[in-house]
């Protein structure tokens, strides 16, 4: 992986990019053919994003 993102603006940009990728993925999903595993992967992506937000918040407090 790359080096930690410590700059606040870079952190926000990173999170925006990840969120936009997630939204693009949601737009591409066909609700008629979506399976439970697909939903589980989406939940995992959201969990990863939430972890990144917490990680960035913890860095700001240090």
N, C-alpha and C. Protein backbone atom coordinates (compact mmCIF):
# COMPACT_ATOMS: atom_id res chain seq x y z
N UNK A 1 0.84 -1.18 0.00
CA UNK A 1 0.00 0.00 0.00
C UNK A 1 0.88 1.24 0.00
N UNK A 2 0.23 2.39 -0.22
CA UNK A 2 0.96 3.64 -0.25
C UNK A 2 1.21 4.17 1.15
N UNK A 3 1.83 5.32 1.18
CA UNK A 3 2.11 5.94 2.48
C UNK A 3 0.83 6.54 3.07
N UNK A 4 0.79 6.70 4.38
CA UNK A 4 -0.40 7.24 5.02
C UNK A 4 -0.70 8.66 4.54
N UNK A 5 -1.98 8.94 4.38
CA UNK A 5 -2.43 10.28 3.98
C UNK A 5 -2.61 11.09 5.25
N UNK A 6 -1.76 12.11 5.44
CA UNK A 6 -1.80 12.88 6.69
C UNK A 6 -2.37 14.27 6.49
N UNK A 7 -2.27 14.81 5.28
CA UNK A 7 -2.79 16.13 4.99
C UNK A 7 -4.32 16.10 4.97
N UNK A 8 -4.95 17.01 5.71
CA UNK A 8 -6.41 17.02 5.84
C UNK A 8 -7.10 17.12 4.47
N UNK A 9 -6.60 17.99 3.59
CA UNK A 9 -7.20 18.13 2.26
C UNK A 9 -7.07 16.85 1.45
N UNK A 10 -5.93 16.20 1.57
CA UNK A 10 -5.71 14.94 0.86
C UNK A 10 -6.63 13.85 1.41
N UNK A 11 -6.87 13.88 2.71
CA UNK A 11 -7.78 12.91 3.32
C UNK A 11 -9.20 13.09 2.78
N UNK A 12 -9.63 14.34 2.72
CA UNK A 12 -10.98 14.63 2.21
C UNK A 12 -11.09 14.22 0.75
N UNK A 13 -10.06 14.53 -0.03
CA UNK A 13 -10.06 14.16 -1.45
C UNK A 13 -10.11 12.64 -1.60
N UNK A 14 -9.32 11.94 -0.80
CA UNK A 14 -9.31 10.48 -0.83
C UNK A 14 -10.71 9.93 -0.54
N UNK A 15 -11.34 10.43 0.52
CA UNK A 15 -12.66 9.94 0.90
C UNK A 15 -13.70 10.27 -0.17
N UNK A 16 -13.62 11.44 -0.77
CA UNK A 16 -14.55 11.81 -1.84
C UNK A 16 -14.40 10.87 -3.03
N UNK A 17 -13.16 10.56 -3.39
CA UNK A 17 -12.92 9.66 -4.51
C UNK A 17 -13.48 8.27 -4.23
N UNK A 18 -13.23 7.78 -3.03
CA UNK A 18 -13.74 6.45 -2.65
C UNK A 18 -15.26 6.43 -2.64
N UNK A 19 -15.86 7.50 -2.12
CA UNK A 19 -17.32 7.57 -2.08
C UNK A 19 -17.90 7.64 -3.49
N UNK A 20 -17.27 8.41 -4.37
CA UNK A 20 -17.73 8.49 -5.75
C UNK A 20 -17.62 7.15 -6.46
N UNK A 21 -16.55 6.40 -6.20
CA UNK A 21 -16.41 5.07 -6.78
C UNK A 21 -17.53 4.16 -6.28
N UNK A 22 -17.85 4.28 -5.00
CA UNK A 22 -18.93 3.48 -4.42
C UNK A 22 -20.27 3.84 -5.06
N UNK A 23 -20.52 5.14 -5.25
CA UNK A 23 -21.76 5.58 -5.87
C UNK A 23 -21.86 5.11 -7.32
N UNK A 24 -20.74 5.12 -8.04
CA UNK A 24 -20.72 4.60 -9.40
C UNK A 24 -21.06 3.11 -9.41
N UNK A 25 -20.54 2.40 -8.45
CA UNK A 25 -20.83 0.97 -8.33
C UNK A 25 -22.32 0.75 -8.07
N UNK A 26 -22.89 1.55 -7.17
CA UNK A 26 -24.32 1.44 -6.89
C UNK A 26 -25.16 1.70 -8.14
N UNK A 27 -24.76 2.71 -8.92
CA UNK A 27 -25.49 3.02 -10.15
C UNK A 27 -25.43 1.88 -11.15
N UNK A 28 -24.34 1.13 -11.15
CA UNK A 28 -24.14 0.06 -12.12
C UNK A 28 -24.85 -1.24 -11.75
N UNK A 29 -25.31 -1.33 -10.53
CA UNK A 29 -25.94 -2.57 -10.07
C UNK A 29 -27.36 -2.69 -10.61
N UNK A 30 -27.66 -3.88 -11.11
CA UNK A 30 -29.01 -4.18 -11.57
C UNK A 30 -29.77 -4.80 -10.40
N UNK A 31 -30.77 -4.08 -9.88
CA UNK A 31 -31.49 -4.60 -8.70
C UNK A 31 -32.14 -5.96 -8.94
N UNK A 32 -32.49 -6.25 -10.18
CA UNK A 32 -33.15 -7.53 -10.48
C UNK A 32 -32.21 -8.72 -10.37
N UNK A 33 -30.91 -8.47 -10.57
CA UNK A 33 -29.97 -9.60 -10.55
C UNK A 33 -28.99 -9.55 -9.38
N UNK A 34 -29.19 -8.62 -8.46
CA UNK A 34 -28.30 -8.48 -7.31
C UNK A 34 -28.55 -9.62 -6.33
N UNK A 35 -27.45 -10.22 -5.87
CA UNK A 35 -27.55 -11.33 -4.93
C UNK A 35 -27.06 -10.90 -3.55
N UNK A 36 -27.29 -11.72 -2.58
CA UNK A 36 -26.91 -11.43 -1.19
C UNK A 36 -25.41 -11.17 -1.09
N UNK A 37 -24.61 -11.92 -1.83
CA UNK A 37 -23.15 -11.73 -1.80
C UNK A 37 -22.78 -10.32 -2.28
N UNK A 38 -23.51 -9.82 -3.28
CA UNK A 38 -23.26 -8.47 -3.78
C UNK A 38 -23.55 -7.43 -2.69
N UNK A 39 -24.63 -7.62 -2.00
CA UNK A 39 -25.00 -6.71 -0.91
C UNK A 39 -23.96 -6.78 0.21
N UNK A 40 -23.49 -7.98 0.50
CA UNK A 40 -22.44 -8.15 1.51
C UNK A 40 -21.18 -7.39 1.13
N UNK A 41 -20.81 -7.44 -0.16
CA UNK A 41 -19.63 -6.71 -0.62
C UNK A 41 -19.83 -5.20 -0.48
N UNK A 42 -21.03 -4.73 -0.80
CA UNK A 42 -21.33 -3.30 -0.65
C UNK A 42 -21.23 -2.87 0.80
N UNK A 43 -21.74 -3.68 1.69
CA UNK A 43 -21.65 -3.39 3.12
C UNK A 43 -20.18 -3.36 3.54
N UNK A 44 -19.38 -4.27 3.02
CA UNK A 44 -17.95 -4.29 3.32
C UNK A 44 -17.25 -3.02 2.85
N UNK A 45 -17.63 -2.54 1.69
CA UNK A 45 -17.05 -1.29 1.17
C UNK A 45 -17.41 -0.13 2.10
N UNK A 46 -18.65 -0.08 2.53
CA UNK A 46 -19.08 0.98 3.44
C UNK A 46 -18.34 0.88 4.77
N UNK A 47 -18.14 -0.34 5.25
CA UNK A 47 -17.38 -0.54 6.49
C UNK A 47 -15.94 -0.04 6.33
N UNK A 48 -15.34 -0.31 5.16
CA UNK A 48 -13.98 0.17 4.90
C UNK A 48 -13.92 1.69 4.89
N UNK A 49 -14.92 2.33 4.26
CA UNK A 49 -14.97 3.79 4.24
C UNK A 49 -15.12 4.36 5.65
N UNK A 50 -15.98 3.73 6.43
CA UNK A 50 -16.17 4.18 7.81
C UNK A 50 -14.87 4.05 8.61
N UNK A 51 -14.15 2.96 8.40
CA UNK A 51 -12.87 2.76 9.08
C UNK A 51 -11.86 3.83 8.69
N UNK A 52 -11.85 4.20 7.40
CA UNK A 52 -10.94 5.25 6.94
C UNK A 52 -11.28 6.58 7.60
N UNK A 53 -12.55 6.89 7.72
CA UNK A 53 -12.97 8.15 8.37
C UNK A 53 -12.48 8.15 9.81
N UNK A 54 -12.67 7.04 10.52
CA UNK A 54 -12.20 6.94 11.90
C UNK A 54 -10.68 7.08 11.98
N UNK A 55 -9.99 6.42 11.06
CA UNK A 55 -8.53 6.48 11.04
C UNK A 55 -8.06 7.92 10.82
N UNK A 56 -8.68 8.62 9.88
CA UNK A 56 -8.30 10.01 9.62
C UNK A 56 -8.62 10.89 10.81
N UNK A 57 -9.74 10.66 11.47
CA UNK A 57 -10.08 11.43 12.66
C UNK A 57 -9.06 11.19 13.78
N UNK A 58 -8.63 9.96 13.93
CA UNK A 58 -7.63 9.64 14.96
C UNK A 58 -6.29 10.29 14.66
N UNK A 59 -5.92 10.37 13.41
CA UNK A 59 -4.67 11.04 13.03
C UNK A 59 -4.72 12.52 13.36
N UNK A 60 -5.90 13.12 13.16
CA UNK A 60 -6.05 14.55 13.45
C UNK A 60 -5.91 14.83 14.93
N UNK A 61 -6.30 13.87 15.77
CA UNK A 61 -6.26 14.07 17.22
C UNK A 61 -4.84 13.88 17.78
N UNK A 62 -3.98 13.22 17.01
CA UNK A 62 -2.61 12.94 17.50
C UNK A 62 -1.74 14.16 17.45
